[in-house]
């Protein structure tokens, strides 16, 4: 367990919101927006779920009180999706009511493929009820994304696109990195053309340079979309892109559940280990 512990200390902003605040303010001062994420997933009991839902609401209060330029990201399995879908919906509504009160934004993370359809179902219901206060994540490597992206664009959803981090079988997801990059480019092009301010999440130099070339060659304004990267990775790149006029947001996790989170990710895909080991040395 030594390796995840070492890695997590770099990639987690602290064990509490109070720990994360000074780092958040420093990044904000450099023109970087933030998405705060309370670590954890797959809660199985209602008592812990209720506490977690309240913790998310408290986080929204804290962001506003600390005057941070930040939103939050949530996993529906933290709000009770493994317990009962309607119970999860009620907790999501409670959280989005607080987000509306605080004039803040909530991003619903996409988890493994077992949860994909349920996540879309709950997101579309929330979108209809709460509108611009809630967004979703799509994963370029999933075969179903080709169809999902059409509906997301039609509904003018707030979309964050990433490659995809979970280990999925070949009948569900692309396996080859070249194929994943091709899909990512295709879907990103469609989002930039038709979606409402897409968020493009990648640390891949090939994709970053392709995006910059694509928008330049097609006269797409830099303010038309947003780059997103993980806390602890490529901060110099984030600052460089911000200085060049691109909106940039850093995904900043915090909390006491960093060990199961990172050890699970490292077990799921060998590519995650290689990604961290190579990317952490890039600026």
Protein backbone atom coordinates (compact mmCIF):
# COMPACT_ATOMS: atom_id res chain seq x y z
CA UNK A 1 0.00 0.00 0.00
CA UNK A 2 3.04 2.29 0.11
CA UNK A 3 2.76 3.31 -3.54
CA UNK A 4 -0.85 4.58 -3.38
CA UNK A 5 -0.04 6.45 -0.14
CA UNK A 6 2.89 8.23 -1.77
CA UNK A 7 0.93 9.07 -4.89
CA UNK A 8 -2.17 10.22 -3.01
CA UNK A 9 -0.21 12.73 -0.94
CA UNK A 10 0.60 14.56 -4.14
CA UNK A 11 -2.80 14.25 -5.78
CA UNK A 12 -5.12 14.93 -2.82
CA UNK A 13 -5.46 18.49 -1.51
CA UNK A 14 -5.97 17.39 2.09
CA UNK A 15 -8.14 15.28 4.34
CA UNK A 16 -10.58 18.11 5.09
CA UNK A 17 -12.04 21.08 3.26
CA UNK A 18 -10.10 23.36 5.60
CA UNK A 19 -6.87 21.66 4.47
CA UNK A 20 -7.79 22.24 0.83
CA UNK A 21 -8.78 25.91 1.10
CA UNK A 22 -5.27 27.49 1.06
CA UNK A 23 -4.30 25.42 -1.98
CA UNK A 24 -7.59 26.27 -3.67
CA UNK A 25 -7.07 29.99 -3.12
CA UNK A 26 -3.53 29.77 -4.48
CA UNK A 27 -4.74 28.13 -7.68
CA UNK A 28 -7.59 30.63 -8.03
CA UNK A 29 -5.04 33.45 -7.72
CA UNK A 30 -3.31 32.04 -10.81
CA UNK A 31 -6.50 32.23 -12.86
CA UNK A 32 -7.41 28.56 -12.47
CA UNK A 33 -10.97 27.50 -11.67
CA UNK A 34 -11.62 24.46 -9.49
CA UNK A 35 -13.93 21.51 -9.11
CA UNK A 36 -13.83 20.14 -5.57
CA UNK A 37 -14.47 16.44 -4.99
CA UNK A 38 -15.08 14.78 -1.63
CA UNK A 39 -13.47 11.38 -2.10
CA UNK A 40 -15.48 8.20 -1.71
CA UNK A 41 -17.91 5.95 -3.58
CA UNK A 42 -20.23 2.95 -3.27
CA UNK A 43 -21.75 3.73 0.10
CA UNK A 44 -24.04 0.89 1.17
CA UNK A 45 -25.84 2.24 4.26
CA UNK A 46 -28.30 5.11 4.67
CA UNK A 47 -26.71 6.62 7.77
CA UNK A 48 -23.38 7.18 6.02
CA UNK A 49 -25.16 8.33 2.86
CA UNK A 50 -27.16 10.93 4.80
CA UNK A 51 -23.95 12.23 6.39
CA UNK A 52 -22.27 12.38 3.00
CA UNK A 53 -25.17 14.27 1.43
CA UNK A 54 -24.95 16.80 4.25
CA UNK A 55 -21.17 16.99 3.80
CA UNK A 56 -21.71 17.91 0.13
CA UNK A 57 -24.19 20.60 1.17
CA UNK A 58 -21.68 21.91 3.71
CA UNK A 59 -19.04 21.94 0.97
CA UNK A 60 -21.24 24.22 -1.15
CA UNK A 61 -21.63 26.53 1.86
CA UNK A 62 -17.87 26.48 2.38
CA UNK A 63 -17.09 27.35 -1.24
CA UNK A 64 -19.38 30.36 -1.09
CA UNK A 65 -18.14 31.48 2.35
CA UNK A 66 -14.49 31.18 1.29
CA UNK A 67 -15.28 33.00 -1.99
CA UNK A 68 -13.66 30.30 -4.10
CA UNK A 69 -14.06 30.13 -7.86
CA UNK A 70 -15.15 26.52 -7.69
CA UNK A 71 -17.89 23.98 -8.35
CA UNK A 72 -18.26 20.46 -6.95
CA UNK A 73 -18.21 16.98 -8.41
CA UNK A 74 -20.21 14.06 -6.99
CA UNK A 75 -20.63 10.34 -7.49
CA UNK A 76 -24.17 9.05 -7.31
CA UNK A 77 -22.99 5.98 -5.40
CA UNK A 78 -22.08 8.47 -2.65
CA UNK A 79 -25.72 9.58 -2.61
CA UNK A 80 -27.20 6.11 -2.26
CA UNK A 81 -27.44 4.72 -5.79
CA UNK A 82 -26.37 1.27 -4.54
CA UNK A 83 -29.15 1.41 -1.93
CA UNK A 84 -32.18 2.69 -3.85
CA UNK A 85 -32.53 4.80 -6.97
CA UNK A 86 -35.37 6.96 -5.62
CA UNK A 87 -33.48 7.53 -2.37
CA UNK A 88 -30.49 8.66 -4.46
CA UNK A 89 -32.75 10.98 -6.47
CA UNK A 90 -34.04 12.58 -3.26
CA UNK A 91 -30.50 13.18 -2.01
CA UNK A 92 -29.47 14.63 -5.37
CA UNK A 93 -32.45 17.01 -5.25
CA UNK A 94 -31.48 18.07 -1.74
CA UNK A 95 -27.97 18.83 -2.93
CA UNK A 96 -29.12 20.70 -6.03
CA UNK A 97 -31.52 22.77 -3.92
CA UNK A 98 -28.50 23.88 -1.89
CA UNK A 99 -26.54 24.54 -5.11
CA UNK A 100 -29.37 26.75 -6.34
CA UNK A 101 -29.47 28.58 -3.02
CA UNK A 102 -25.70 29.17 -3.17
CA UNK A 103 -25.67 29.84 -6.94
CA UNK A 104 -23.14 27.05 -7.51
CA UNK A 105 -22.76 24.17 -9.97
CA UNK A 106 -22.76 20.39 -9.44
CA UNK A 107 -21.12 17.92 -11.83
CA UNK A 108 -22.29 14.29 -11.71
CA UNK A 109 -19.32 12.00 -12.30
CA UNK A 110 -19.64 8.95 -14.50
CA UNK A 111 -18.73 5.70 -12.76
CA UNK A 112 -18.29 2.18 -14.14
CA UNK A 113 -20.54 0.83 -16.90
CA UNK A 114 -22.87 -0.88 -14.41
CA UNK A 115 -24.04 2.61 -13.44
CA UNK A 116 -24.00 4.40 -16.80
CA UNK A 117 -27.68 4.17 -17.71
CA UNK A 118 -28.88 4.90 -14.17
CA UNK A 119 -26.58 7.92 -14.07
CA UNK A 120 -28.00 9.26 -17.33
CA UNK A 121 -31.55 8.63 -16.13
CA UNK A 122 -31.01 10.60 -12.92
CA UNK A 123 -29.07 13.31 -14.72
CA UNK A 124 -31.76 13.92 -17.33
CA UNK A 125 -34.39 14.15 -14.60
CA UNK A 126 -32.19 16.61 -12.70
CA UNK A 127 -31.49 18.61 -15.86
CA UNK A 128 -35.20 19.05 -16.46
CA UNK A 129 -35.76 20.19 -12.90
CA UNK A 130 -32.58 22.15 -12.11
CA UNK A 131 -31.29 23.21 -15.53
CA UNK A 132 -27.88 24.83 -15.63
CA UNK A 133 -27.03 23.91 -12.03
CA UNK A 134 -26.12 20.34 -12.98
CA UNK A 135 -23.82 18.69 -15.53
CA UNK A 136 -22.65 15.22 -16.56
CA UNK A 137 -19.51 13.36 -17.68
CA UNK A 138 -19.15 11.21 -20.79
CA UNK A 139 -16.36 8.74 -21.47
CA UNK A 140 -15.02 8.65 -25.01
CA UNK A 141 -14.00 4.99 -24.90
CA UNK A 142 -17.52 3.65 -24.36
CA UNK A 143 -19.20 2.36 -27.52
CA UNK A 144 -22.54 3.83 -26.41
CA UNK A 145 -21.09 7.36 -26.30
CA UNK A 146 -21.66 7.74 -30.05
CA UNK A 147 -25.42 7.70 -29.38
CA UNK A 148 -25.35 9.34 -25.96
CA UNK A 149 -23.61 12.43 -27.29
CA UNK A 150 -26.44 13.10 -29.74
CA UNK A 151 -28.97 13.28 -26.93
CA UNK A 152 -26.68 15.35 -24.73
CA UNK A 153 -26.23 17.91 -27.50
CA UNK A 154 -29.95 17.93 -28.28
CA UNK A 155 -30.75 18.65 -24.64
CA UNK A 156 -27.99 21.29 -24.45
CA UNK A 157 -26.44 19.43 -21.54
CA UNK A 158 -23.40 20.69 -19.68
CA UNK A 159 -20.85 18.02 -20.65
CA UNK A 160 -17.39 17.08 -19.45
CA UNK A 161 -15.64 14.65 -21.80
CA UNK A 162 -12.78 12.39 -20.74
CA UNK A 163 -11.18 9.25 -22.17
CA UNK A 164 -12.49 6.94 -19.43
CA UNK A 165 -10.67 5.44 -16.45
CA UNK A 166 -12.44 2.18 -15.59
CA UNK A 167 -11.47 -1.25 -16.82
CA UNK A 168 -14.24 -2.30 -19.21
CA UNK A 169 -14.52 -5.30 -21.58
CA UNK A 170 -14.15 -4.91 -25.34
CA UNK A 171 -17.89 -5.29 -25.97
CA UNK A 172 -18.46 -2.15 -23.89
CA UNK A 173 -15.40 0.00 -24.49
CA UNK A 174 -12.56 0.63 -26.91
CA UNK A 175 -9.29 -0.97 -25.77
CA UNK A 176 -6.64 0.55 -28.03
CA UNK A 177 -5.32 4.02 -27.17
CA UNK A 178 -5.18 5.11 -30.80
CA UNK A 179 -8.87 4.22 -31.17
CA UNK A 180 -9.74 6.02 -27.93
CA UNK A 181 -7.95 9.17 -29.11
CA UNK A 182 -9.79 9.02 -32.44
CA UNK A 183 -13.13 8.76 -30.65
CA UNK A 184 -12.17 11.55 -28.25
CA UNK A 185 -11.35 13.86 -31.16
CA UNK A 186 -14.60 13.04 -32.94
CA UNK A 187 -16.79 13.66 -29.89
CA UNK A 188 -14.86 16.75 -28.83
CA UNK A 189 -15.29 18.24 -32.29
CA UNK A 190 -19.04 17.70 -32.08
CA UNK A 191 -19.22 19.18 -28.60
CA UNK A 192 -17.24 22.28 -29.56
CA UNK A 193 -19.47 22.77 -32.60
CA UNK A 194 -22.86 22.20 -30.98
CA UNK A 195 -22.77 21.86 -27.18
CA UNK A 196 -23.03 24.55 -24.55
CA UNK A 197 -19.47 25.31 -23.37
CA UNK A 198 -18.03 21.76 -23.19
CA UNK A 199 -15.39 20.83 -20.65
CA UNK A 200 -12.49 18.88 -22.16
CA UNK A 201 -10.61 16.77 -19.62
CA UNK A 202 -7.24 15.41 -20.71
CA UNK A 203 -3.55 15.38 -19.80
CA UNK A 204 -2.62 13.80 -23.13
CA UNK A 205 -0.16 16.04 -24.99
CA UNK A 206 -1.33 14.65 -28.33
CA UNK A 207 -4.92 15.66 -27.57
CA UNK A 208 -4.03 18.99 -26.00
CA UNK A 209 -2.06 20.03 -29.08
CA UNK A 210 -4.78 18.69 -31.38
CA UNK A 211 -7.43 20.76 -29.56
CA UNK A 212 -5.35 23.92 -29.79
CA UNK A 213 -4.71 23.36 -33.50
CA UNK A 214 -8.34 22.46 -34.18
CA UNK A 215 -9.79 25.58 -32.60
CA UNK A 216 -7.18 27.80 -34.22
CA UNK A 217 -7.74 26.36 -37.71
CA UNK A 218 -11.53 26.59 -37.34
CA UNK A 219 -11.58 30.05 -35.75
CA UNK A 220 -13.18 28.75 -32.57
CA UNK A 221 -12.92 31.31 -29.74
CA UNK A 222 -10.83 30.14 -26.79
CA UNK A 223 -13.71 31.02 -24.46
CA UNK A 224 -15.95 28.51 -26.27
CA UNK A 225 -14.76 25.60 -24.09
CA UNK A 226 -12.70 24.73 -21.02
CA UNK A 227 -9.62 22.58 -20.42
CA UNK A 228 -9.71 20.41 -17.29
CA UNK A 229 -6.91 18.54 -15.51
CA UNK A 230 -6.33 16.76 -12.21
CA UNK A 231 -4.83 18.36 -9.13
CA UNK A 232 -1.14 17.52 -8.80
CA UNK A 233 -0.63 16.94 -12.52
CA UNK A 234 0.58 19.36 -15.20
CA UNK A 235 0.11 22.54 -13.15
CA UNK A 236 2.63 24.40 -15.30
CA UNK A 237 0.67 23.33 -18.36
CA UNK A 238 -2.55 24.56 -16.73
CA UNK A 239 -0.98 27.93 -15.97
CA UNK A 240 0.46 28.16 -19.50
CA UNK A 241 -2.93 27.47 -21.08
CA UNK A 242 -4.60 30.00 -18.79
CA UNK A 243 -2.01 32.60 -19.73
CA UNK A 244 -2.77 31.88 -23.39
CA UNK A 245 -6.39 32.78 -22.76
CA UNK A 246 -7.98 29.34 -22.40
CA UNK A 247 -10.34 28.76 -19.47
CA UNK A 248 -8.77 26.06 -17.30
CA UNK A 249 -10.23 24.13 -14.37
CA UNK A 250 -8.46 21.81 -11.94
CA UNK A 251 -10.27 18.83 -10.43
CA UNK A 252 -9.25 18.91 -6.75
CA UNK A 253 -10.08 15.85 -4.60
CA UNK A 254 -9.89 15.89 -0.82
CA UNK A 255 -11.04 13.71 2.05
CA UNK A 256 -10.05 10.77 4.20
CA UNK A 257 -10.99 8.15 1.59
CA UNK A 258 -7.93 8.72 -0.59
CA UNK A 259 -6.38 5.29 0.04
CA UNK A 260 -9.25 3.09 -1.22
CA UNK A 261 -9.86 5.52 -4.08
CA UNK A 262 -6.31 5.43 -5.45
CA UNK A 263 -5.61 1.78 -4.70
CA UNK A 264 -8.83 0.85 -6.52
CA UNK A 265 -7.91 2.96 -9.54
CA UNK A 266 -4.44 1.47 -9.68
CA UNK A 267 -5.84 -2.07 -9.49
CA UNK A 268 -8.45 -1.47 -12.16
CA UNK A 269 -6.18 -0.65 -15.06
CA UNK A 270 -2.44 -1.04 -15.49
CA UNK A 271 -2.63 2.03 -17.75
CA UNK A 272 -3.53 4.13 -14.71
CA UNK A 273 -0.23 3.24 -13.03
CA UNK A 274 1.74 4.11 -16.18
CA UNK A 275 -0.26 7.32 -16.63
CA UNK A 276 0.55 8.55 -13.12
CA UNK A 277 4.21 7.56 -13.24
CA UNK A 278 4.78 9.31 -16.57
CA UNK A 279 2.56 12.34 -16.12
CA UNK A 280 3.74 13.31 -12.64
CA UNK A 281 7.14 14.24 -14.08
CA UNK A 282 5.67 16.47 -16.78
CA UNK A 283 5.22 20.17 -16.16
